[in-house]
Amino acid sequence: MTAYEYTVTPLPPHNPKQILDHWGAQGWQLVQVVLTPEGGSVAYLMREVQG
């Protein structure tokens, strides 16, 4: 069975692509972006657990 791990990271409004590119280079896949009550956003990411 495939196992996954998850992480949540804030997405600053001035450079969300840079943050997502950083996580993507480490094998993380974007699952969802959620707006916070304060007006910001957070990204939920996942990747397959290796070995």
N, C-alpha and C. Protein backbone atom coordinates (compact mmCIF):
# COMPACT_ATOMS: atom_id res chain seq x y z
N MET A 1 0.84 -1.18 0.00
CA MET A 1 0.00 0.00 0.00
C MET A 1 0.89 1.25 0.00
N THR A 2 0.51 2.23 -0.75
CA THR A 2 1.26 3.48 -0.82
C THR A 2 0.97 4.33 0.40
N ALA A 3 2.03 4.88 1.00
CA ALA A 3 1.88 5.77 2.15
C ALA A 3 2.26 7.18 1.74
N TYR A 4 1.57 8.15 2.32
CA TYR A 4 1.81 9.56 2.02
C TYR A 4 2.10 10.32 3.29
N GLU A 5 2.84 11.42 3.13
CA GLU A 5 3.01 12.37 4.22
C GLU A 5 2.49 13.72 3.74
N TYR A 6 2.12 14.55 4.68
CA TYR A 6 1.48 15.82 4.37
C TYR A 6 2.16 16.96 5.11
N THR A 7 2.04 18.16 4.53
CA THR A 7 2.52 19.36 5.21
C THR A 7 1.62 20.53 4.84
N VAL A 8 1.65 21.54 5.67
CA VAL A 8 0.89 22.76 5.43
C VAL A 8 1.86 23.92 5.55
N THR A 9 1.80 24.85 4.60
CA THR A 9 2.72 25.99 4.62
C THR A 9 1.98 27.27 4.24
N PRO A 10 2.32 28.39 4.88
CA PRO A 10 1.70 29.66 4.50
C PRO A 10 2.19 30.09 3.11
N LEU A 11 1.34 30.79 2.38
CA LEU A 11 1.70 31.32 1.07
C LEU A 11 1.67 32.84 1.13
N PRO A 12 2.83 33.48 1.22
CA PRO A 12 2.86 34.94 1.25
C PRO A 12 2.32 35.50 -0.08
N PRO A 13 1.56 36.58 -0.03
CA PRO A 13 0.96 37.11 -1.26
C PRO A 13 1.99 37.63 -2.26
N HIS A 14 3.19 37.98 -1.82
CA HIS A 14 4.17 38.57 -2.74
C HIS A 14 4.99 37.53 -3.49
N ASN A 15 5.01 36.23 -3.07
CA ASN A 15 5.79 35.25 -3.81
C ASN A 15 5.28 33.82 -3.66
N PRO A 16 4.00 33.55 -3.90
CA PRO A 16 3.50 32.18 -3.73
C PRO A 16 4.16 31.19 -4.69
N LYS A 17 4.47 31.60 -5.91
CA LYS A 17 5.09 30.68 -6.87
C LYS A 17 6.46 30.22 -6.38
N GLN A 18 7.23 31.12 -5.82
CA GLN A 18 8.55 30.76 -5.32
C GLN A 18 8.44 29.71 -4.21
N ILE A 19 7.49 29.88 -3.32
CA ILE A 19 7.28 28.93 -2.23
C ILE A 19 6.85 27.58 -2.80
N LEU A 20 5.89 27.58 -3.71
CA LEU A 20 5.41 26.32 -4.28
C LEU A 20 6.49 25.64 -5.11
N ASP A 21 7.29 26.39 -5.85
CA ASP A 21 8.40 25.80 -6.60
C ASP A 21 9.40 25.14 -5.66
N HIS A 22 9.66 25.76 -4.53
CA HIS A 22 10.58 25.20 -3.54
C HIS A 22 10.08 23.84 -3.05
N TRP A 23 8.81 23.77 -2.66
CA TRP A 23 8.25 22.51 -2.17
C TRP A 23 8.17 21.48 -3.30
N GLY A 24 7.81 21.91 -4.49
CA GLY A 24 7.72 20.99 -5.63
C GLY A 24 9.06 20.36 -5.97
N ALA A 25 10.15 21.12 -5.84
CA ALA A 25 11.48 20.58 -6.10
C ALA A 25 11.86 19.50 -5.09
N GLN A 26 11.19 19.47 -3.95
CA GLN A 26 11.44 18.46 -2.93
C GLN A 26 10.47 17.29 -3.04
N GLY A 27 9.67 17.28 -4.11
CA GLY A 27 8.76 16.16 -4.35
C GLY A 27 7.35 16.32 -3.80
N TRP A 28 7.04 17.50 -3.28
CA TRP A 28 5.71 17.74 -2.73
C TRP A 28 4.75 18.14 -3.84
N GLN A 29 3.52 17.65 -3.76
CA GLN A 29 2.47 17.96 -4.72
C GLN A 29 1.39 18.79 -4.03
N LEU A 30 0.98 19.87 -4.69
CA LEU A 30 -0.06 20.73 -4.14
C LEU A 30 -1.41 20.01 -4.16
N VAL A 31 -2.08 20.00 -3.01
CA VAL A 31 -3.40 19.38 -2.90
C VAL A 31 -4.48 20.46 -2.93
N GLN A 32 -4.26 21.53 -2.14
CA GLN A 32 -5.29 22.57 -2.03
C GLN A 32 -4.69 23.84 -1.45
N VAL A 33 -5.26 24.96 -1.84
CA VAL A 33 -4.94 26.25 -1.22
C VAL A 33 -6.21 26.74 -0.54
N VAL A 34 -6.06 27.15 0.72
CA VAL A 34 -7.22 27.60 1.52
C VAL A 34 -6.96 29.02 1.99
N LEU A 35 -7.98 29.87 1.85
CA LEU A 35 -7.90 31.23 2.37
C LEU A 35 -8.14 31.21 3.88
N THR A 36 -7.34 31.97 4.62
CA THR A 36 -7.49 32.04 6.07
C THR A 36 -8.46 33.17 6.43
N PRO A 37 -9.02 33.14 7.62
CA PRO A 37 -9.93 34.22 8.05
C PRO A 37 -9.23 35.58 8.07
N GLU A 38 -7.90 35.58 8.22
CA GLU A 38 -7.15 36.83 8.27
C GLU A 38 -6.87 37.40 6.88
N GLY A 39 -7.24 36.67 5.83
CA GLY A 39 -7.03 37.15 4.46
C GLY A 39 -5.81 36.58 3.78
N GLY A 40 -5.06 35.74 4.45
CA GLY A 40 -3.91 35.09 3.84
C GLY A 40 -4.32 33.77 3.21
N SER A 41 -3.34 32.96 2.88
CA SER A 41 -3.64 31.64 2.35
C SER A 41 -2.57 30.65 2.80
N VAL A 42 -2.99 29.39 2.86
CA VAL A 42 -2.07 28.30 3.20
C VAL A 42 -2.21 27.22 2.15
N ALA A 43 -1.10 26.53 1.89
CA ALA A 43 -1.08 25.44 0.93
C ALA A 43 -0.98 24.12 1.66
N TYR A 44 -1.79 23.15 1.24
CA TYR A 44 -1.72 21.79 1.74
C TYR A 44 -1.02 20.96 0.66
N LEU A 45 0.04 20.26 1.06
CA LEU A 45 0.84 19.50 0.11
C LEU A 45 1.01 18.06 0.59
N MET A 46 1.29 17.15 -0.35
CA MET A 46 1.53 15.76 -0.01
C MET A 46 2.62 15.19 -0.89
N ARG A 47 3.24 14.10 -0.41
CA ARG A 47 4.18 13.36 -1.23
C ARG A 47 4.21 11.92 -0.73
N GLU A 48 4.60 11.04 -1.63
CA GLU A 48 4.70 9.63 -1.29
C GLU A 48 5.90 9.43 -0.36
N VAL A 49 5.71 8.60 0.66
CA VAL A 49 6.79 8.27 1.58
C VAL A 49 7.71 7.27 0.89
N GLN A 50 8.99 7.57 0.88
CA GLN A 50 9.97 6.71 0.22
C GLN A 50 10.56 5.71 1.20
N GLY A 51 10.62 4.44 0.77
CA GLY A 51 11.30 3.37 1.47
C GLY A 51 10.96 3.18 2.86
